[in-house]
Amino acid sequence: MAKGGSGAKMLYFVLYVVLITELLIVITERDELEESELAIRTNMLGSIAASYKAPISLSSTPKFLDYNVAGEGEHEATIVLSVTGLVSVEEKAGVVYYVNVAPGSKAPDAWPSGGITSEKGNGKYKLVKNEDGAARFLATISAEGDYKFSTYCEVDRKWPGYLEGTPLLDSLKTMVGNLKRAKSNVETFTISAKRQGGVKKKGAELVL
């Protein structure tokens, strides 16, 4: 009986050691996973914070556009305005573009005083925004000439809405500080309006 009782105790001891070992493995794996998640979280927040601290940058395509004022029907010169540095969907929705005649350049016909914005244009000149925050400058020009324009954009920096109410947003605010209104660089582009093509004269026909 003594030997049997001793064997049972040994069995329980071995099972206890195995259980403790498995528990230690689970705890170690959990700690490693938490460390990995913390590293990912820190890197993600650091990347977002760096984006908020960086300036926004505007570019126009093309820089020089040939435009035919004799084109058939209503046709528009199109310049694509792209901005980098916007972080949140809220910023892409709220960015405002401005276009005016560049200093030293003459204004095209019917150009509004003070220029146009993505919130205000007219029938001949307008800015159309896309969902990704980019915009298109559309112009219908009827008088020949080389017209140089300047453009920039502004945006009130806004936190991503999907972080609202989470500890991540509190950490991000600590990294970045107070958000401010950001203004891009001033970009220029030129539209060269010329009368191209037109009515072609028929050649002389020889009548026999």
C-alpha atoms as a PDB file:
ATOM      1  CA  MET A   1       0.000   0.000   0.000  1.00  0.00           C
ATOM      2  CA  ALA A   2       2.817   2.350   0.794  1.00  0.00           C
ATOM      3  CA  LYS A   3       4.360   1.748  -2.564  1.00  0.00           C
ATOM      4  CA  GLY A   4       1.050   2.348  -4.286  1.00  0.00           C
ATOM      5  CA  GLY A   5       0.499   5.596  -2.417  1.00  0.00           C
ATOM      6  CA  SER A   6       4.006   6.740  -3.251  1.00  0.00           C
ATOM      7  CA  GLY A   7       3.461   5.963  -6.939  1.00  0.00           C
ATOM      8  CA  ALA A   8       0.246   7.976  -6.990  1.00  0.00           C
ATOM      9  CA  LYS A   9       1.968  10.912  -5.357  1.00  0.00           C
ATOM     10  CA  MET A  10       4.743  10.719  -7.946  1.00  0.00           C
ATOM     11  CA  LEU A  11       2.162  10.646 -10.739  1.00  0.00           C
ATOM     12  CA  TYR A  12       0.393  13.693  -9.315  1.00  0.00           C
ATOM     13  CA  PHE A  13       3.726  15.458  -8.977  1.00  0.00           C
ATOM     14  CA  VAL A  14       4.622  14.752 -12.599  1.00  0.00           C
ATOM     15  CA  LEU A  15       1.210  15.962 -13.772  1.00  0.00           C
ATOM     16  CA  TYR A  16       1.639  19.073 -11.643  1.00  0.00           C
ATOM     17  CA  VAL A  17       5.049  19.775 -13.194  1.00  0.00           C
ATOM     18  CA  VAL A  18       3.616  19.283 -16.693  1.00  0.00           C
ATOM     19  CA  LEU A  19       0.717  21.591 -15.896  1.00  0.00           C
ATOM     20  CA  ILE A  20       3.028  24.284 -14.520  1.00  0.00           C
ATOM     21  CA  THR A  21       5.302  23.938 -17.565  1.00  0.00           C
ATOM     22  CA  GLU A  22       2.377  24.333 -19.973  1.00  0.00           C
ATOM     23  CA  LEU A  23       1.105  27.304 -17.998  1.00  0.00           C
ATOM     24  CA  LEU A  24       4.531  28.959 -18.176  1.00  0.00           C
ATOM     25  CA  ILE A  25       4.601  28.346 -21.937  1.00  0.00           C
ATOM     26  CA  VAL A  26       1.176  29.957 -22.331  1.00  0.00           C
ATOM     27  CA  ILE A  27       2.206  32.962 -20.229  1.00  0.00           C
ATOM     28  CA  THR A  28       5.445  33.359 -22.204  1.00  0.00           C
ATOM     29  CA  GLU A  29       3.617  33.177 -25.541  1.00  0.00           C
ATOM     30  CA  ARG A  30       1.056  35.699 -24.276  1.00  0.00           C
ATOM     31  CA  ASP A  31       3.790  38.100 -23.170  1.00  0.00           C
ATOM     32  CA  GLU A  32       5.580  37.740 -26.525  1.00  0.00           C
ATOM     33  CA  LEU A  33       2.314  38.400 -28.364  1.00  0.00           C
ATOM     34  CA  GLU A  34       1.622  41.478 -26.236  1.00  0.00           C
ATOM     35  CA  GLU A  35       5.150  42.765 -26.920  1.00  0.00           C
ATOM     36  CA  SER A  36       4.633  42.189 -30.645  1.00  0.00           C
ATOM     37  CA  GLU A  37       1.263  43.976 -30.574  1.00  0.00           C
ATOM     38  CA  LEU A  38       2.796  46.858 -28.606  1.00  0.00           C
ATOM     39  CA  ALA A  39       5.607  47.187 -31.159  1.00  0.00           C
ATOM     40  CA  ILE A  40       3.095  47.211 -34.036  1.00  0.00           C
ATOM     41  CA  ARG A  41       0.931  49.756 -32.208  1.00  0.00           C
ATOM     42  CA  THR A  42       3.919  51.998 -31.484  1.00  0.00           C
ATOM     43  CA  ASN A  43       5.166  51.852 -35.090  1.00  0.00           C
ATOM     44  CA  MET A  44       1.683  52.521 -36.468  1.00  0.00           C
ATOM     45  CA  LEU A  45       1.138  55.537 -34.211  1.00  0.00           C
ATOM     46  CA  GLY A  46       4.642  56.814 -34.979  1.00  0.00           C
ATOM     47  CA  SER A  47       3.951  56.643 -38.713  1.00  0.00           C
ATOM     48  CA  ILE A  48       0.622  58.481 -38.354  1.00  0.00           C
ATOM     49  CA  ALA A  49       2.195  61.104 -36.069  1.00  0.00           C
ATOM     50  CA  ALA A  50       5.013  61.720 -38.576  1.00  0.00           C
ATOM     51  CA  SER A  51       2.431  62.251 -41.318  1.00  0.00           C
ATOM     52  CA  TYR A  52       0.641  64.892 -39.244  1.00  0.00           C
ATOM     53  CA  LYS A  53       3.909  66.692 -38.531  1.00  0.00           C
ATOM     54  CA  ALA A  54       5.005  66.716 -42.199  1.00  0.00           C
ATOM     55  CA  PRO A  55       3.848  69.543 -44.516  1.00  0.00           C
ATOM     56  CA  ILE A  56       1.239  68.952 -47.216  1.00  0.00           C
ATOM     57  CA  SER A  57       2.532  69.202 -50.775  1.00  0.00           C
ATOM     58  CA  LEU A  58       0.640  70.211 -53.933  1.00  0.00           C
ATOM     59  CA  SER A  59       1.507  69.382 -57.543  1.00  0.00           C
ATOM     60  CA  SER A  60      -0.187  70.146 -60.867  1.00  0.00           C
ATOM     61  CA  THR A  61      -0.342  68.055 -64.040  1.00  0.00           C
ATOM     62  CA  PRO A  62       0.477  69.121 -66.652  1.00  0.00           C
ATOM     63  CA  LYS A  63       2.622  72.166 -65.926  1.00  0.00           C
ATOM     64  CA  PHE A  64       2.017  73.486 -69.451  1.00  0.00           C
ATOM     65  CA  LEU A  65      -1.120  72.789 -71.464  1.00  0.00           C
ATOM     66  CA  ASP A  66      -1.890  73.649 -75.095  1.00  0.00           C
ATOM     67  CA  TYR A  67      -5.559  74.538 -75.455  1.00  0.00           C
ATOM     68  CA  ASN A  68      -7.490  74.936 -78.706  1.00  0.00           C
ATOM     69  CA  VAL A  69      -9.935  77.822 -78.483  1.00  0.00           C
ATOM     70  CA  ALA A  70     -11.425  76.737 -81.817  1.00  0.00           C
ATOM     71  CA  GLY A  71     -12.454  73.306 -80.580  1.00  0.00           C
ATOM     72  CA  GLU A  72     -15.928  72.114 -81.441  1.00  0.00           C
ATOM     73  CA  GLY A  73     -18.623  72.672 -78.803  1.00  0.00           C
ATOM     74  CA  GLU A  74     -17.988  73.355 -75.128  1.00  0.00           C
ATOM     75  CA  HIS A  75     -14.623  71.934 -74.202  1.00  0.00           C
ATOM     76  CA  GLU A  76     -12.515  72.502 -71.116  1.00  0.00           C
ATOM     77  CA  ALA A  77      -8.833  72.747 -70.362  1.00  0.00           C
ATOM     78  CA  THR A  78      -8.137  70.331 -67.497  1.00  0.00           C
ATOM     79  CA  ILE A  79      -5.363  70.566 -64.920  1.00  0.00           C
ATOM     80  CA  VAL A  80      -5.130  67.866 -62.240  1.00  0.00           C
ATOM     81  CA  LEU A  81      -4.163  69.084 -58.755  1.00  0.00           C
ATOM     82  CA  SER A  82      -2.810  66.398 -56.419  1.00  0.00           C
ATOM     83  CA  VAL A  83      -1.953  66.811 -52.745  1.00  0.00           C
ATOM     84  CA  THR A  84       0.162  64.535 -50.556  1.00  0.00           C
ATOM     85  CA  GLY A  85       0.253  64.586 -46.771  1.00  0.00           C
ATOM     86  CA  LEU A  86      -3.449  64.363 -46.011  1.00  0.00           C
ATOM     87  CA  VAL A  87      -3.922  61.708 -43.334  1.00  0.00           C
ATOM     88  CA  SER A  88      -7.583  61.240 -42.507  1.00  0.00           C
ATOM     89  CA  VAL A  89     -10.705  60.867 -44.608  1.00  0.00           C
ATOM     90  CA  GLU A  90     -11.978  63.985 -42.834  1.00  0.00           C
ATOM     91  CA  GLU A  91      -9.011  65.994 -44.132  1.00  0.00           C
ATOM     92  CA  LYS A  92      -9.508  64.774 -47.692  1.00  0.00           C
ATOM     93  CA  ALA A  93     -13.131  65.868 -47.516  1.00  0.00           C
ATOM     94  CA  GLY A  94     -12.284  69.260 -46.002  1.00  0.00           C
ATOM     95  CA  VAL A  95      -9.261  70.368 -48.056  1.00  0.00           C
ATOM     96  CA  VAL A  96      -9.899  73.628 -49.973  1.00  0.00           C
ATOM     97  CA  TYR A  97      -8.127  74.566 -53.229  1.00  0.00           C
ATOM     98  CA  TYR A  98      -7.455  78.082 -54.498  1.00  0.00           C
ATOM     99  CA  VAL A  99      -6.560  79.167 -58.045  1.00  0.00           C
ATOM    100  CA  ASN A 100      -5.782  82.675 -59.255  1.00  0.00           C
ATOM    101  CA  VAL A 101      -3.937  84.378 -62.085  1.00  0.00           C
ATOM    102  CA  ALA A 102      -0.206  84.376 -61.323  1.00  0.00           C
ATOM    103  CA  PRO A 103       1.519  87.752 -60.795  1.00  0.00           C
ATOM    104  CA  GLY A 104       2.618  89.261 -64.110  1.00  0.00           C
ATOM    105  CA  SER A 105       0.203  87.214 -66.209  1.00  0.00           C
ATOM    106  CA  LYS A 106      -2.869  88.539 -67.947  1.00  0.00           C
ATOM    107  CA  ALA A 107      -6.242  87.148 -66.935  1.00  0.00           C
ATOM    108  CA  PRO A 108      -8.357  85.100 -69.336  1.00  0.00           C
ATOM    109  CA  ASP A 109     -11.783  86.336 -70.364  1.00  0.00           C
ATOM    110  CA  ALA A 110     -14.424  86.428 -67.616  1.00  0.00           C
ATOM    111  CA  TRP A 111     -11.936  85.514 -64.912  1.00  0.00           C
ATOM    112  CA  PRO A 112     -13.519  86.325 -61.505  1.00  0.00           C
ATOM    113  CA  SER A 113     -11.870  88.941 -59.302  1.00  0.00           C
ATOM    114  CA  GLY A 114     -10.077  87.240 -56.426  1.00  0.00           C
ATOM    115  CA  GLY A 115      -9.857  83.917 -58.242  1.00  0.00           C
ATOM    116  CA  ILE A 116     -11.800  80.744 -57.571  1.00  0.00           C
ATOM    117  CA  THR A 117     -11.836  78.047 -54.899  1.00  0.00           C
ATOM    118  CA  SER A 118     -13.065  74.479 -54.730  1.00  0.00           C
ATOM    119  CA  GLU A 119     -16.038  75.919 -52.859  1.00  0.00           C
ATOM    120  CA  LYS A 120     -16.758  78.752 -55.287  1.00  0.00           C
ATOM    121  CA  GLY A 121     -16.371  79.034 -59.050  1.00  0.00           C
ATOM    122  CA  ASN A 122     -18.412  80.104 -62.037  1.00  0.00           C
ATOM    123  CA  GLY A 123     -19.614  78.672 -65.312  1.00  0.00           C
ATOM    124  CA  LYS A 124     -16.294  79.015 -67.180  1.00  0.00           C
ATOM    125  CA  TYR A 125     -13.818  78.280 -64.390  1.00  0.00           C
ATOM    126  CA  LYS A 126     -14.277  75.768 -61.588  1.00  0.00           C
ATOM    127  CA  LEU A 127     -12.512  73.342 -59.285  1.00  0.00           C
ATOM    128  CA  VAL A 128     -13.967  69.853 -58.906  1.00  0.00           C
ATOM    129  CA  LYS A 129     -12.785  67.757 -55.957  1.00  0.00           C
ATOM    130  CA  ASN A 130     -12.467  63.977 -55.904  1.00  0.00           C
ATOM    131  CA  GLU A 131     -13.098  61.650 -52.957  1.00  0.00           C
ATOM    132  CA  ASP A 132      -9.356  61.083 -52.513  1.00  0.00           C
ATOM    133  CA  GLY A 133      -8.787  64.795 -51.868  1.00  0.00           C
ATOM    134  CA  ALA A 134      -7.386  65.628 -55.325  1.00  0.00           C
ATOM    135  CA  ALA A 135      -9.049  68.205 -57.597  1.00  0.00           C
ATOM    136  CA  ARG A 136      -9.387  69.196 -61.242  1.00  0.00           C
ATOM    137  CA  PHE A 137      -9.191  72.774 -62.483  1.00  0.00           C
ATOM    138  CA  LEU A 138     -11.538  73.147 -65.477  1.00  0.00           C
ATOM    139  CA  ALA A 139     -11.393  76.209 -67.726  1.00  0.00           C
ATOM    140  CA  THR A 140     -13.272  77.241 -70.870  1.00  0.00           C
ATOM    141  CA  ILE A 141     -11.187  79.922 -72.578  1.00  0.00           C
ATOM    142  CA  SER A 142     -12.303  81.791 -75.689  1.00  0.00           C
ATOM    143  CA  ALA A 143      -9.482  84.334 -76.173  1.00  0.00           C
ATOM    144  CA  GLU A 144      -5.990  83.435 -77.349  1.00  0.00           C
ATOM    145  CA  GLY A 145      -3.058  83.974 -75.029  1.00  0.00           C
ATOM    146  CA  ASP A 146      -0.670  82.384 -72.550  1.00  0.00           C
ATOM    147  CA  TYR A 147      -2.248  82.379 -69.093  1.00  0.00           C
ATOM    148  CA  LYS A 148      -0.242  81.506 -66.012  1.00  0.00           C
ATOM    149  CA  PHE A 149      -2.053  80.490 -62.838  1.00  0.00           C
ATOM    150  CA  SER A 150      -0.978  79.955 -59.234  1.00  0.00           C
ATOM    151  CA  THR A 151      -2.619  77.462 -56.916  1.00  0.00           C
ATOM    152  CA  TYR A 152      -2.389  76.165 -53.360  1.00  0.00           C
ATOM    153  CA  CYS A 153      -4.577  74.346 -50.867  1.00  0.00           C
ATOM    154  CA  GLU A 154      -5.362  74.584 -47.162  1.00  0.00           C
ATOM    155  CA  VAL A 155      -6.827  72.121 -44.687  1.00  0.00           C
ATOM    156  CA  ASP A 156      -7.777  72.007 -41.024  1.00  0.00           C
ATOM    157  CA  ARG A 157      -5.875  69.003 -39.685  1.00  0.00           C
ATOM    158  CA  LYS A 158      -8.322  66.459 -38.241  1.00  0.00           C
ATOM    159  CA  TRP A 159      -7.883  63.197 -36.382  1.00  0.00           C
ATOM    160  CA  PRO A 160      -9.106  59.976 -38.029  1.00  0.00           C
ATOM    161  CA  GLY A 161     -12.714  59.399 -37.055  1.00  0.00           C
ATOM    162  CA  TYR A 162     -12.152  55.660 -36.545  1.00  0.00           C
ATOM    163  CA  LEU A 163      -9.854  56.434 -33.577  1.00  0.00           C
ATOM    164  CA  GLU A 164     -12.430  58.492 -31.685  1.00  0.00           C
ATOM    165  CA  GLY A 165     -13.022  57.167 -28.172  1.00  0.00           C
ATOM    166  CA  THR A 166      -9.978  54.864 -28.194  1.00  0.00           C
ATOM    167  CA  PRO A 167      -6.757  54.979 -26.148  1.00  0.00           C
ATOM    168  CA  LEU A 168      -4.873  55.099 -29.451  1.00  0.00           C
ATOM    169  CA  LEU A 169      -6.177  58.598 -30.122  1.00  0.00           C
ATOM    170  CA  ASP A 170      -4.976  59.795 -26.722  1.00  0.00           C
ATOM    171  CA  SER A 171      -1.513  58.436 -27.475  1.00  0.00           C
ATOM    172  CA  LEU A 172      -1.534  60.040 -30.927  1.00  0.00           C
ATOM    173  CA  LYS A 173      -2.512  63.419 -29.472  1.00  0.00           C
ATOM    174  CA  THR A 174       0.398  63.156 -27.039  1.00  0.00           C
ATOM    175  CA  MET A 175       2.808  62.479 -29.916  1.00  0.00           C
ATOM    176  CA  VAL A 176       1.531  65.240 -32.216  1.00  0.00           C
ATOM    177  CA  GLY A 177       0.133  67.955 -29.961  1.00  0.00           C
ATOM    178  CA  ASN A 178      -2.564  70.389 -31.049  1.00  0.00           C
ATOM    179  CA  LEU A 179      -3.608  70.250 -34.687  1.00  0.00           C
ATOM    180  CA  LYS A 180      -3.433  73.414 -36.780  1.00  0.00           C
ATOM    181  CA  ARG A 181      -4.534  74.606 -40.223  1.00  0.00           C
ATOM    182  CA  ALA A 182      -1.979  73.572 -42.829  1.00  0.00           C
ATOM    183  CA  LYS A 183      -1.156  75.345 -46.098  1.00  0.00           C
ATOM    184  CA  SER A 184       0.600  73.763 -49.056  1.00  0.00           C
ATOM    185  CA  ASN A 185       3.307  75.149 -51.307  1.00  0.00           C
ATOM    186  CA  VAL A 186       2.254  77.481 -54.136  1.00  0.00           C
ATOM    187  CA  GLU A 187       2.244  75.668 -57.484  1.00  0.00           C
ATOM    188  CA  THR A 188       2.055  77.294 -60.936  1.00  0.00           C
ATOM    189  CA  PHE A 189       0.853  76.058 -64.325  1.00  0.00           C
ATOM    190  CA  THR A 190       0.311  77.635 -67.746  1.00  0.00           C
ATOM    191  CA  ILE A 191      -2.482  77.248 -70.282  1.00  0.00           C
ATOM    192  CA  SER A 192      -1.534  78.341 -73.791  1.00  0.00           C
ATOM    193  CA  ALA A 193      -4.778  79.091 -75.634  1.00  0.00           C
ATOM    194  CA  LYS A 194      -4.455  79.205 -79.410  1.00  0.00           C
ATOM    195  CA  ARG A 195      -6.722  78.869 -82.379  1.00  0.00           C
ATOM    196  CA  GLN A 196      -5.759  75.615 -84.026  1.00  0.00           C
ATOM    197  CA  GLY A 197      -7.199  74.056 -87.157  1.00  0.00           C
ATOM    198  CA  GLY A 198     -10.413  75.771 -88.243  1.00  0.00           C
ATOM    199  CA  VAL A 199     -12.176  75.705 -91.589  1.00  0.00           C
ATOM    200  CA  LYS A 200     -10.026  74.252 -94.344  1.00  0.00           C
ATOM    201  CA  LYS A 201     -10.304  75.724 -97.854  1.00  0.00           C
ATOM    202  CA  LYS A 202     -11.043  73.334-100.633  1.00  0.00           C
ATOM    203  CA  GLY A 203      -8.339  73.055-103.246  1.00  0.00           C
ATOM    204  CA  ALA A 204      -8.990  74.279-106.803  1.00  0.00           C
ATOM    205  CA  GLU A 205     -10.634  71.710-108.980  1.00  0.00           C
ATOM    206  CA  LEU A 206      -9.690  71.388-112.655  1.00  0.00           C
ATOM    207  CA  VAL A 207     -12.804  71.257-114.834  1.00  0.00           C
ATOM    208  CA  LEU A 208     -12.319  69.539-118.205  1.00  0.00           C
END
